[in-house]
Amino acid sequence: MSAAEETGPFAAEHVGRLLRRLAYQAGRAAKTPHASDVHDLRVAIRRFTQALAAFDSCFPAQELKRVRRRLKRIMDLAGDIRDCDIAIELLSKSKANPTALVALFCKRRKDAERELADTLRRWSQRHSYRKWRAALEVDGQGAISHDLIGITAAQTLEPMLREFVSLGKKALRQEAAPKKIHRFRIAVKKLRYTFELFAPVYGTSLDGWLERIKALQAVLGTISDCETVRMMVEHHGGDRGIESSFQRRVRRKLSEFRRGWADAFTDPSMQRVIGQLSPQAPRKSAAQAEPSVPEAARLRAAHA
C-alpha cells in the first residue's frame, strides 16, 4: 500500500477485519473454550482494541466507550481462565506434585469457562457483531481521517516507542517491582500490535526489529506467568518449595531480559528505529489540503 493513502479508509478496513476476527474467535470460544481458543480470543480482543486506540478520533467516542466496556468484561473472564491454564500447566510439571492445588484451579477454571461461554453466547444473541460494525463506521469527519496514513503511523508509534524505552529502563533496575515489569510487558504488547497494524505502511523494513520485540514479549510473558502462579499459590495457603522454584525461574528470565535489552534496545538502535518511522510520503494536493489551517499546526492539534 501507499503511505499517501488517507487514514480513514485504512482505519475502516483494518478495524473491520479485526472485528470479524474477534467475532470468529468469540464463536469458537463459546463452543469450545479450550486453552488455545481462549488464548486466540484474548489476542483478537487486544488487536482490535489497540486498533481502536490508534484510530480513536475516527470513530464516535460514545460507541468506543460502550465497546471497550463490554470487551473488558469478556477479557476479565478469559484472563481468569488463562491464569488457571498456566497454573495447571506449571504446577503439573512441579516435582512437589501439588495435586490439591491443581484440582482447585481445575474447578476454578470450569466455573470461569462456563461464565465466559454464557457471556459470549449473549454477545452473539444480541447481534453485537452487526451492531458494532454499524456503530464503528468511519464517517471521514475524525481529526485524523484525512491525514496520510504514513503521518498517522509515525505520530502514533513514536510516542509509544519513547514510552517503551522509558518503561524498559525502569524494568531493568535490579530493585524493579513486579508491577513495573508487568506495566512494561503491557506496553510491549501494545507496541507490537500497533506496529503490526501499521505493517502495510512500512513493508518489510522493520521486520527484524519486530522479531526482537516478539522475543522480548516471550521472556516477559514467562516472568509474568511465574509471578501470577506464585501469587495464586500464595493466596491459597502457599507452598514454600513451589514459590521458591518460581522465584528462581523469574530471576533467570530477568537476567535473560537484561541481556536481550543490552543487545537489541540500546539508545542508538532505538533512535534508528524512530528515524525509520516517517516515510517520505508525497504531500496531499492543494484540493485535498485544508488551506485555513497550516499543516504542522493541524497535526499537532490532531495528536495532542
C-alpha atoms as a PDB file:
ATOM      1  CA  MET A   1       0.000   0.000   0.000  1.00  0.00           C
ATOM      2  CA  SER A   2       0.992   3.652  -0.305  1.00  0.00           C
ATOM      3  CA  ALA A   3       1.864   5.832   2.684  1.00  0.00           C
ATOM      4  CA  ALA A   4      -0.123   8.510   0.841  1.00  0.00           C
ATOM      5  CA  GLU A   5      -3.435   6.720   1.471  1.00  0.00           C
ATOM      6  CA  GLU A   6      -5.757   8.574   3.825  1.00  0.00           C
ATOM      7  CA  THR A   7      -6.151   7.304   7.365  1.00  0.00           C
ATOM      8  CA  GLY A   8      -9.953   6.986   7.286  1.00  0.00           C
ATOM      9  CA  PRO A   9     -10.191   4.191   4.675  1.00  0.00           C
ATOM     10  CA  PHE A  10      -7.203   2.389   6.223  1.00  0.00           C
ATOM     11  CA  ALA A  11      -8.834   2.537   9.676  1.00  0.00           C
ATOM     12  CA  ALA A  12     -12.183   1.311   8.339  1.00  0.00           C
ATOM     13  CA  GLU A  13     -10.587  -1.635   6.524  1.00  0.00           C
ATOM     14  CA  HIS A  14      -8.373  -2.818   9.373  1.00  0.00           C
ATOM     15  CA  VAL A  15     -10.799  -2.252  12.243  1.00  0.00           C
ATOM     16  CA  GLY A  16     -13.456  -4.099  10.250  1.00  0.00           C
ATOM     17  CA  ARG A  17     -11.096  -7.006   9.603  1.00  0.00           C
ATOM     18  CA  LEU A  18     -10.093  -7.227  13.270  1.00  0.00           C
ATOM     19  CA  LEU A  19     -13.730  -7.085  14.374  1.00  0.00           C
ATOM     20  CA  ARG A  20     -14.546 -10.012  12.075  1.00  0.00           C
ATOM     21  CA  ARG A  21     -11.654 -11.931  13.578  1.00  0.00           C
ATOM     22  CA  LEU A  22     -12.877 -11.135  17.080  1.00  0.00           C
ATOM     23  CA  ALA A  23     -16.384 -12.355  16.249  1.00  0.00           C
ATOM     24  CA  TYR A  24     -14.972 -15.590  14.822  1.00  0.00           C
ATOM     25  CA  GLN A  25     -12.833 -16.261  17.912  1.00  0.00           C
ATOM     26  CA  ALA A  26     -15.749 -15.400  20.214  1.00  0.00           C
ATOM     27  CA  GLY A  27     -17.866 -18.009  18.443  1.00  0.00           C
ATOM     28  CA  ARG A  28     -15.154 -20.654  18.802  1.00  0.00           C
ATOM     29  CA  ALA A  29     -14.533 -19.900  22.477  1.00  0.00           C
ATOM     30  CA  ALA A  30     -18.259 -20.025  23.237  1.00  0.00           C
ATOM     31  CA  LYS A  31     -18.426 -23.566  21.838  1.00  0.00           C
ATOM     32  CA  THR A  32     -15.068 -24.970  22.942  1.00  0.00           C
ATOM     33  CA  PRO A  33     -13.259 -22.772  25.476  1.00  0.00           C
ATOM     34  CA  HIS A  34     -10.053 -24.806  25.336  1.00  0.00           C
ATOM     35  CA  ALA A  35      -6.767 -23.138  26.247  1.00  0.00           C
ATOM     36  CA  SER A  36      -5.858 -22.344  22.626  1.00  0.00           C
ATOM     37  CA  ASP A  37      -9.327 -20.932  21.871  1.00  0.00           C
ATOM     38  CA  VAL A  38      -9.251 -18.665  24.930  1.00  0.00           C
ATOM     39  CA  HIS A  39      -5.729 -17.525  24.051  1.00  0.00           C
ATOM     40  CA  ASP A  40      -6.778 -16.690  20.487  1.00  0.00           C
ATOM     41  CA  LEU A  41      -9.816 -14.800  21.786  1.00  0.00           C
ATOM     42  CA  ARG A  42      -7.633 -12.703  24.087  1.00  0.00           C
ATOM     43  CA  VAL A  43      -5.229 -11.889  21.267  1.00  0.00           C
ATOM     44  CA  ALA A  44      -8.122 -10.943  18.973  1.00  0.00           C
ATOM     45  CA  ILE A  45      -9.524  -8.590  21.618  1.00  0.00           C
ATOM     46  CA  ARG A  46      -6.130  -6.985  22.190  1.00  0.00           C
ATOM     47  CA  ARG A  47      -5.505  -6.431  18.496  1.00  0.00           C
ATOM     48  CA  PHE A  48      -8.970  -4.989  17.974  1.00  0.00           C
ATOM     49  CA  THR A  49      -8.830  -2.647  20.971  1.00  0.00           C
ATOM     50  CA  GLN A  50      -5.350  -1.488  20.001  1.00  0.00           C
ATOM     51  CA  ALA A  51      -6.644  -0.586  16.545  1.00  0.00           C
ATOM     52  CA  LEU A  52      -9.474   1.368  18.172  1.00  0.00           C
ATOM     53  CA  ALA A  53      -6.896   3.206  20.285  1.00  0.00           C
ATOM     54  CA  ALA A  54      -4.769   4.043  17.248  1.00  0.00           C
ATOM     55  CA  PHE A  55      -7.748   5.402  15.301  1.00  0.00           C
ATOM     56  CA  ASP A  56      -9.951   6.588  18.161  1.00  0.00           C
ATOM     57  CA  SER A  57     -10.690  10.005  16.634  1.00  0.00           C
ATOM     58  CA  CYS A  58     -12.085   8.315  13.514  1.00  0.00           C
ATOM     59  CA  PHE A  59     -14.967   6.747  15.465  1.00  0.00           C
ATOM     60  CA  PRO A  60     -17.838   8.023  17.658  1.00  0.00           C
ATOM     61  CA  ALA A  61     -16.498   8.423  21.208  1.00  0.00           C
ATOM     62  CA  GLN A  62     -19.651   7.091  22.876  1.00  0.00           C
ATOM     63  CA  GLU A  63     -19.603   3.919  20.792  1.00  0.00           C
ATOM     64  CA  LEU A  64     -15.923   3.341  21.565  1.00  0.00           C
ATOM     65  CA  LYS A  65     -16.650   3.632  25.279  1.00  0.00           C
ATOM     66  CA  ARG A  66     -19.508   1.121  25.052  1.00  0.00           C
ATOM     67  CA  VAL A  67     -17.471  -1.394  23.046  1.00  0.00           C
ATOM     68  CA  ARG A  68     -14.493  -1.172  25.400  1.00  0.00           C
ATOM     69  CA  ARG A  69     -16.694  -1.653  28.455  1.00  0.00           C
ATOM     70  CA  ARG A  70     -18.242  -4.829  27.014  1.00  0.00           C
ATOM     71  CA  LEU A  71     -14.869  -6.190  25.965  1.00  0.00           C
ATOM     72  CA  LYS A  72     -13.345  -5.593  29.394  1.00  0.00           C
ATOM     73  CA  ARG A  73     -15.848  -7.982  30.939  1.00  0.00           C
ATOM     74  CA  ILE A  74     -15.047 -10.669  28.351  1.00  0.00           C
ATOM     75  CA  MET A  75     -11.320 -10.078  28.760  1.00  0.00           C
ATOM     76  CA  ASP A  76     -11.514 -10.406  32.548  1.00  0.00           C
ATOM     77  CA  LEU A  77     -13.264 -13.785  32.294  1.00  0.00           C
ATOM     78  CA  ALA A  78     -10.879 -15.019  29.613  1.00  0.00           C
ATOM     79  CA  GLY A  79      -7.953 -13.813  31.725  1.00  0.00           C
ATOM     80  CA  ASP A  80      -9.127 -15.853  34.704  1.00  0.00           C
ATOM     81  CA  ILE A  81      -9.279 -18.965  32.514  1.00  0.00           C
ATOM     82  CA  ARG A  82      -5.831 -18.215  31.113  1.00  0.00           C
ATOM     83  CA  ASP A  83      -4.391 -17.829  34.639  1.00  0.00           C
ATOM     84  CA  CYS A  84      -5.847 -21.195  35.626  1.00  0.00           C
ATOM     85  CA  ASP A  85      -4.477 -22.851  32.484  1.00  0.00           C
ATOM     86  CA  ILE A  86      -0.993 -21.518  33.221  1.00  0.00           C
ATOM     87  CA  ALA A  87      -1.220 -22.567  36.870  1.00  0.00           C
ATOM     88  CA  ILE A  88      -2.387 -26.078  35.964  1.00  0.00           C
ATOM     89  CA  GLU A  89       0.357 -26.468  33.348  1.00  0.00           C
ATOM     90  CA  LEU A  90       3.215 -25.203  35.530  1.00  0.00           C
ATOM     91  CA  LEU A  91       2.087 -26.958  38.709  1.00  0.00           C
ATOM     92  CA  SER A  92       1.572 -30.251  36.886  1.00  0.00           C
ATOM     93  CA  LYS A  93       5.268 -30.156  35.970  1.00  0.00           C
ATOM     94  CA  SER A  94       6.348 -29.387  39.535  1.00  0.00           C
ATOM     95  CA  LYS A  95       8.328 -32.005  41.440  1.00  0.00           C
ATOM     96  CA  ALA A  96       6.273 -31.138  44.518  1.00  0.00           C
ATOM     97  CA  ASN A  97       3.238 -32.783  42.847  1.00  0.00           C
ATOM     98  CA  PRO A  98       0.653 -30.339  44.295  1.00  0.00           C
ATOM     99  CA  THR A  99      -2.428 -32.335  43.260  1.00  0.00           C
ATOM    100  CA  ALA A 100      -4.753 -30.452  45.628  1.00  0.00           C
ATOM    101  CA  LEU A 101      -3.808 -27.101  44.112  1.00  0.00           C
ATOM    102  CA  VAL A 102      -4.167 -28.434  40.574  1.00  0.00           C
ATOM    103  CA  ALA A 103      -7.642 -29.773  41.410  1.00  0.00           C
ATOM    104  CA  LEU A 104      -8.608 -26.416  42.934  1.00  0.00           C
ATOM    105  CA  PHE A 105      -7.538 -24.498  39.821  1.00  0.00           C
ATOM    106  CA  CYS A 106      -9.286 -27.018  37.545  1.00  0.00           C
ATOM    107  CA  LYS A 107     -12.533 -26.316  39.371  1.00  0.00           C
ATOM    108  CA  ARG A 108     -11.978 -22.570  39.241  1.00  0.00           C
ATOM    109  CA  ARG A 109     -11.328 -22.832  35.520  1.00  0.00           C
ATOM    110  CA  LYS A 110     -14.518 -24.798  34.980  1.00  0.00           C
ATOM    111  CA  ASP A 111     -16.568 -22.101  36.687  1.00  0.00           C
ATOM    112  CA  ALA A 112     -14.897 -19.300  34.696  1.00  0.00           C
ATOM    113  CA  GLU A 113     -15.265 -21.312  31.475  1.00  0.00           C
ATOM    114  CA  ARG A 114     -19.000 -21.645  31.994  1.00  0.00           C
ATOM    115  CA  GLU A 115     -19.379 -17.922  32.728  1.00  0.00           C
ATOM    116  CA  LEU A 116     -17.315 -16.923  29.696  1.00  0.00           C
ATOM    117  CA  ALA A 117     -19.301 -19.210  27.386  1.00  0.00           C
ATOM    118  CA  ASP A 118     -22.582 -17.729  28.691  1.00  0.00           C
ATOM    119  CA  THR A 119     -21.279 -14.180  28.209  1.00  0.00           C
ATOM    120  CA  LEU A 120     -20.121 -14.900  24.650  1.00  0.00           C
ATOM    121  CA  ARG A 121     -23.420 -16.543  23.735  1.00  0.00           C
ATOM    122  CA  ARG A 122     -25.301 -13.472  24.973  1.00  0.00           C
ATOM    123  CA  TRP A 123     -22.932 -11.295  22.942  1.00  0.00           C
ATOM    124  CA  SER A 124     -23.828 -13.318  19.860  1.00  0.00           C
ATOM    125  CA  GLN A 125     -27.575 -13.462  20.585  1.00  0.00           C
ATOM    126  CA  ARG A 126     -27.677  -9.674  20.832  1.00  0.00           C
ATOM    127  CA  HIS A 127     -26.163  -9.469  17.335  1.00  0.00           C
ATOM    128  CA  SER A 128     -23.306  -7.461  18.819  1.00  0.00           C
ATOM    129  CA  TYR A 129     -21.026  -8.011  15.838  1.00  0.00           C
ATOM    130  CA  ARG A 130     -23.530  -6.457  13.431  1.00  0.00           C
ATOM    131  CA  LYS A 131     -24.309  -3.593  15.819  1.00  0.00           C
ATOM    132  CA  TRP A 132     -20.646  -2.831  16.469  1.00  0.00           C
ATOM    133  CA  ARG A 133     -19.841  -2.951  12.774  1.00  0.00           C
ATOM    134  CA  ALA A 134     -22.583  -0.401  12.095  1.00  0.00           C
ATOM    135  CA  ALA A 135     -21.617   1.768  15.078  1.00  0.00           C
ATOM    136  CA  LEU A 136     -17.927   1.872  14.150  1.00  0.00           C
ATOM    137  CA  GLU A 137     -18.403   3.398  10.740  1.00  0.00           C
ATOM    138  CA  VAL A 138     -15.702   5.847   9.690  1.00  0.00           C
ATOM    139  CA  ASP A 139     -17.549   8.936   8.508  1.00  0.00           C
ATOM    140  CA  GLY A 140     -14.470  10.848   7.371  1.00  0.00           C
ATOM    141  CA  GLN A 141     -15.012  13.591   9.940  1.00  0.00           C
ATOM    142  CA  GLY A 142     -12.483  12.392  12.552  1.00  0.00           C
ATOM    143  CA  ALA A 143      -9.478  14.539  13.401  1.00  0.00           C
ATOM    144  CA  ILE A 144      -7.068  12.223  11.572  1.00  0.00           C
ATOM    145  CA  SER A 145      -9.377  10.740   8.930  1.00  0.00           C
ATOM    146  CA  HIS A 146      -7.887  12.771   6.085  1.00  0.00           C
ATOM    147  CA  ASP A 147      -4.273  12.647   7.273  1.00  0.00           C
ATOM    148  CA  LEU A 148      -1.935  10.479   5.250  1.00  0.00           C
ATOM    149  CA  ILE A 149      -1.600   7.055   6.855  1.00  0.00           C
ATOM    150  CA  GLY A 150       2.197   7.410   6.861  1.00  0.00           C
ATOM    151  CA  ILE A 151       1.877  10.503   9.041  1.00  0.00           C
ATOM    152  CA  THR A 152      -0.681   8.851  11.340  1.00  0.00           C
ATOM    153  CA  ALA A 153       1.573   5.798  11.752  1.00  0.00           C
ATOM    154  CA  ALA A 154       4.583   7.910  12.701  1.00  0.00           C
ATOM    155  CA  GLN A 155       2.576  10.151  15.032  1.00  0.00           C
ATOM    156  CA  THR A 156       1.120   7.084  16.773  1.00  0.00           C
ATOM    157  CA  LEU A 157       4.237   4.943  17.046  1.00  0.00           C
ATOM    158  CA  GLU A 158       6.876   7.479  18.041  1.00  0.00           C
ATOM    159  CA  PRO A 159       5.425   8.305  21.497  1.00  0.00           C
ATOM    160  CA  MET A 160       4.804   4.596  22.084  1.00  0.00           C
ATOM    161  CA  LEU A 161       8.453   3.860  21.317  1.00  0.00           C
ATOM    162  CA  ARG A 162       9.628   6.577  23.689  1.00  0.00           C
ATOM    163  CA  GLU A 163       7.378   5.187  26.427  1.00  0.00           C
ATOM    164  CA  PHE A 164       8.718   1.704  25.645  1.00  0.00           C
ATOM    165  CA  VAL A 165      12.286   2.905  26.251  1.00  0.00           C
ATOM    166  CA  SER A 166      11.356   4.744  29.451  1.00  0.00           C
ATOM    167  CA  LEU A 167       9.415   1.827  30.959  1.00  0.00           C
ATOM    168  CA  GLY A 168      12.034  -0.664  29.803  1.00  0.00           C
ATOM    169  CA  LYS A 169      14.820   1.173  31.610  1.00  0.00           C
ATOM    170  CA  LYS A 170      12.743   1.224  34.796  1.00  0.00           C
ATOM    171  CA  ALA A 171      12.024  -2.504  34.495  1.00  0.00           C
ATOM    172  CA  LEU A 172      15.764  -3.174  34.058  1.00  0.00           C
ATOM    173  CA  ARG A 173      16.613  -1.957  37.534  1.00  0.00           C
ATOM    174  CA  GLN A 174      17.573  -4.663  39.986  1.00  0.00           C
ATOM    175  CA  GLU A 175      15.038  -3.377  42.510  1.00  0.00           C
ATOM    176  CA  ALA A 176      12.199  -3.070  39.963  1.00  0.00           C
ATOM    177  CA  ALA A 177       8.882  -4.142  41.482  1.00  0.00           C
ATOM    178  CA  PRO A 178       6.774  -6.794  39.700  1.00  0.00           C
ATOM    179  CA  LYS A 179       4.188  -4.093  38.929  1.00  0.00           C
ATOM    180  CA  LYS A 180       6.739  -2.107  36.897  1.00  0.00           C
ATOM    181  CA  ILE A 181       7.762  -5.183  34.951  1.00  0.00           C
ATOM    182  CA  HIS A 182       4.094  -6.017  34.337  1.00  0.00           C
ATOM    183  CA  ARG A 183       3.407  -2.458  33.182  1.00  0.00           C
ATOM    184  CA  PHE A 184       6.333  -2.697  30.774  1.00  0.00           C
ATOM    185  CA  ARG A 185       5.051  -6.037  29.453  1.00  0.00           C
ATOM    186  CA  ILE A 186       1.669  -4.476  28.659  1.00  0.00           C
ATOM    187  CA  ALA A 187       3.419  -1.603  26.859  1.00  0.00           C
ATOM    188  CA  VAL A 188       5.415  -4.139  24.808  1.00  0.00           C
ATOM    189  CA  LYS A 189       2.213  -5.932  23.761  1.00  0.00           C
ATOM    190  CA  LYS A 190       0.536  -2.696  22.724  1.00  0.00           C
ATOM    191  CA  LEU A 191       3.611  -1.592  20.794  1.00  0.00           C
ATOM    192  CA  ARG A 192       3.854  -4.906  18.966  1.00  0.00           C
ATOM    193  CA  TYR A 193       0.192  -4.950  17.963  1.00  0.00           C
ATOM    194  CA  THR A 194       0.332  -1.323  16.834  1.00  0.00           C
ATOM    195  CA  PHE A 195       3.452  -1.981  14.747  1.00  0.00           C
ATOM    196  CA  GLU A 196       1.726  -4.962  13.163  1.00  0.00           C
ATOM    197  CA  LEU A 197      -1.348  -2.825  12.490  1.00  0.00           C
ATOM    198  CA  PHE A 198       0.776  -0.342  10.554  1.00  0.00           C
ATOM    199  CA  ALA A 199       2.962  -3.011   8.913  1.00  0.00           C
ATOM    200  CA  PRO A 200       1.488  -2.308   5.432  1.00  0.00           C
ATOM    201  CA  VAL A 201       2.860   1.239   5.684  1.00  0.00           C
ATOM    202  CA  TYR A 202       6.453   0.114   6.262  1.00  0.00           C
ATOM    203  CA  GLY A 203       6.630  -3.116   4.298  1.00  0.00           C
ATOM    204  CA  THR A 204       9.497  -5.322   5.487  1.00  0.00           C
ATOM    205  CA  SER A 205      11.808  -2.526   6.627  1.00  0.00           C
ATOM    206  CA  LEU A 206      11.081  -3.085  10.338  1.00  0.00           C
ATOM    207  CA  ASP A 207      10.587  -6.868  10.324  1.00  0.00           C
ATOM    208  CA  GLY A 208      13.878  -7.595  12.086  1.00  0.00           C
ATOM    209  CA  TRP A 209      13.139  -5.160  14.865  1.00  0.00           C
ATOM    210  CA  LEU A 210       9.637  -6.549  15.281  1.00  0.00           C
ATOM    211  CA  GLU A 211      11.097 -10.043  15.726  1.00  0.00           C
ATOM    212  CA  ARG A 212      13.188  -8.709  18.616  1.00  0.00           C
ATOM    213  CA  ILE A 213      10.037  -7.253  20.175  1.00  0.00           C
ATOM    214  CA  LYS A 214       8.338 -10.660  19.936  1.00  0.00           C
ATOM    215  CA  ALA A 215      11.308 -12.343  21.620  1.00  0.00           C
ATOM    216  CA  LEU A 216      11.227  -9.741  24.393  1.00  0.00           C
ATOM    217  CA  GLN A 217       7.492 -10.283  24.839  1.00  0.00           C
ATOM    218  CA  ALA A 218       8.046 -14.032  25.228  1.00  0.00           C
ATOM    219  CA  VAL A 219      10.609 -13.533  28.006  1.00  0.00           C
ATOM    220  CA  LEU A 220       8.394 -11.044  29.819  1.00  0.00           C
ATOM    221  CA  GLY A 221       5.447 -13.418  29.389  1.00  0.00           C
ATOM    222  CA  THR A 222       7.285 -16.202  31.204  1.00  0.00           C
ATOM    223  CA  ILE A 223       8.146 -13.810  34.039  1.00  0.00           C
ATOM    224  CA  SER A 224       4.510 -12.758  34.275  1.00  0.00           C
ATOM    225  CA  ASP A 225       3.241 -16.352  34.199  1.00  0.00           C
ATOM    226  CA  CYS A 226       5.558 -17.406  37.030  1.00  0.00           C
ATOM    227  CA  GLU A 227       4.670 -14.405  39.147  1.00  0.00           C
ATOM    228  CA  THR A 228       0.937 -14.910  38.540  1.00  0.00           C
ATOM    229  CA  VAL A 229       1.042 -18.583  39.550  1.00  0.00           C
ATOM    230  CA  ARG A 230       3.248 -17.831  42.559  1.00  0.00           C
ATOM    231  CA  MET A 231       0.668 -15.307  43.788  1.00  0.00           C
ATOM    232  CA  MET A 232      -2.195 -17.751  43.144  1.00  0.00           C
ATOM    233  CA  VAL A 233      -0.419 -20.413  45.196  1.00  0.00           C
ATOM    234  CA  GLU A 234       0.325 -17.899  47.947  1.00  0.00           C
ATOM    235  CA  HIS A 235      -3.324 -16.837  48.011  1.00  0.00           C
ATOM    236  CA  HIS A 236      -4.390 -20.444  48.634  1.00  0.00           C
ATOM    237  CA  GLY A 237      -2.160 -21.071  51.624  1.00  0.00           C
ATOM    238  CA  GLY A 238       1.225 -21.078  49.935  1.00  0.00           C
ATOM    239  CA  ASP A 239       3.909 -23.663  49.388  1.00  0.00           C
ATOM    240  CA  ARG A 240       7.455 -22.520  50.084  1.00  0.00           C
ATOM    241  CA  GLY A 241       9.060 -25.023  47.727  1.00  0.00           C
ATOM    242  CA  ILE A 242       6.814 -24.157  44.773  1.00  0.00           C
ATOM    243  CA  GLU A 243       7.089 -20.427  45.347  1.00  0.00           C
ATOM    244  CA  SER A 244      10.891 -20.633  45.580  1.00  0.00           C
ATOM    245  CA  SER A 245      11.105 -22.549  42.304  1.00  0.00           C
ATOM    246  CA  PHE A 246       9.073 -19.868  40.539  1.00  0.00           C
ATOM    247  CA  GLN A 247      11.198 -17.112  42.052  1.00  0.00           C
ATOM    248  CA  ARG A 248      14.365 -18.796  40.766  1.00  0.00           C
ATOM    249  CA  ARG A 249      12.888 -19.080  37.291  1.00  0.00           C
ATOM    250  CA  VAL A 250      11.882 -15.412  37.367  1.00  0.00           C
ATOM    251  CA  ARG A 251      15.435 -14.415  38.293  1.00  0.00           C
ATOM    252  CA  ARG A 252      16.814 -16.415  35.348  1.00  0.00           C
ATOM    253  CA  LYS A 253      14.352 -14.806  32.946  1.00  0.00           C
ATOM    254  CA  LEU A 254      15.106 -11.336  34.312  1.00  0.00           C
ATOM    255  CA  SER A 255      18.788 -11.940  33.544  1.00  0.00           C
ATOM    256  CA  GLU A 256      17.791 -13.014  30.025  1.00  0.00           C
ATOM    257  CA  PHE A 257      15.673  -9.859  29.668  1.00  0.00           C
ATOM    258  CA  ARG A 258      18.603  -7.633  30.694  1.00  0.00           C
ATOM    259  CA  ARG A 259      20.976  -9.346  28.258  1.00  0.00           C
ATOM    260  CA  GLY A 260      18.434  -9.088  25.442  1.00  0.00           C
ATOM    261  CA  TRP A 261      17.863  -5.409  26.140  1.00  0.00           C
ATOM    262  CA  ALA A 262      21.598  -4.672  26.097  1.00  0.00           C
ATOM    263  CA  ASP A 263      21.909  -6.463  22.733  1.00  0.00           C
ATOM    264  CA  ALA A 264      18.876  -5.111  20.892  1.00  0.00           C
ATOM    265  CA  PHE A 265      17.483  -1.970  22.524  1.00  0.00           C
ATOM    266  CA  THR A 266      20.389   0.412  23.018  1.00  0.00           C
ATOM    267  CA  ASP A 267      19.714   4.134  22.649  1.00  0.00           C
ATOM    268  CA  PRO A 268      21.351   4.337  19.179  1.00  0.00           C
ATOM    269  CA  SER A 269      19.347   1.355  17.898  1.00  0.00           C
ATOM    270  CA  MET A 270      16.108   2.877  19.195  1.00  0.00           C
ATOM    271  CA  GLN A 271      16.920   6.202  17.554  1.00  0.00           C
ATOM    272  CA  ARG A 272      17.422   4.377  14.247  1.00  0.00           C
ATOM    273  CA  VAL A 273      14.006   2.736  14.578  1.00  0.00           C
ATOM    274  CA  ILE A 274      12.362   6.069  15.394  1.00  0.00           C
ATOM    275  CA  GLY A 275      14.137   7.585  12.391  1.00  0.00           C
ATOM    276  CA  GLN A 276      12.545   4.953  10.122  1.00  0.00           C
ATOM    277  CA  LEU A 277       9.000   5.824  11.169  1.00  0.00           C
ATOM    278  CA  SER A 278       8.447   8.778   8.857  1.00  0.00           C
ATOM    279  CA  PRO A 279       8.145   7.531   5.282  1.00  0.00           C
ATOM    280  CA  GLN A 280       8.766  10.129   2.626  1.00  0.00           C
ATOM    281  CA  ALA A 281       5.161  10.249   1.539  1.00  0.00           C
ATOM    282  CA  PRO A 282       4.054  12.771  -1.090  1.00  0.00           C
ATOM    283  CA  ARG A 283       2.113  15.729   0.184  1.00  0.00           C
ATOM    284  CA  LYS A 284      -1.588  15.936  -0.469  1.00  0.00           C
ATOM    285  CA  SER A 285      -2.714  18.073  -3.375  1.00  0.00           C
ATOM    286  CA  ALA A 286      -3.982  21.588  -2.820  1.00  0.00           C
ATOM    287  CA  ALA A 287      -7.511  20.330  -3.435  1.00  0.00           C
ATOM    288  CA  GLN A 288      -7.152  17.828  -0.583  1.00  0.00           C
ATOM    289  CA  ALA A 289      -5.414  20.175   1.829  1.00  0.00           C
ATOM    290  CA  GLU A 290      -7.114  22.329   4.432  1.00  0.00           C
ATOM    291  CA  PRO A 291      -5.958  25.866   3.461  1.00  0.00           C
ATOM    292  CA  SER A 292      -7.268  27.539   6.587  1.00  0.00           C
ATOM    293  CA  VAL A 293      -5.024  25.559   8.956  1.00  0.00           C
ATOM    294  CA  PRO A 294      -1.243  25.191   8.494  1.00  0.00           C
ATOM    295  CA  GLU A 295      -0.282  21.549   8.161  1.00  0.00           C
ATOM    296  CA  ALA A 296       2.088  21.418  11.126  1.00  0.00           C
ATOM    297  CA  ALA A 297      -0.380  23.076  13.473  1.00  0.00           C
ATOM    298  CA  ARG A 298      -3.198  20.808  12.300  1.00  0.00           C
ATOM    299  CA  LEU A 299      -1.124  17.710  13.000  1.00  0.00           C
ATOM    300  CA  ARG A 300      -0.189  18.933  16.458  1.00  0.00           C
ATOM    301  CA  ALA A 301      -3.843  19.623  17.244  1.00  0.00           C
ATOM    302  CA  ALA A 302      -4.940  16.253  15.908  1.00  0.00           C
ATOM    303  CA  HIS A 303      -2.486  14.326  18.042  1.00  0.00           C
ATOM    304  CA  ALA A 304      -2.393  16.463  21.179  1.00  0.00           C
END
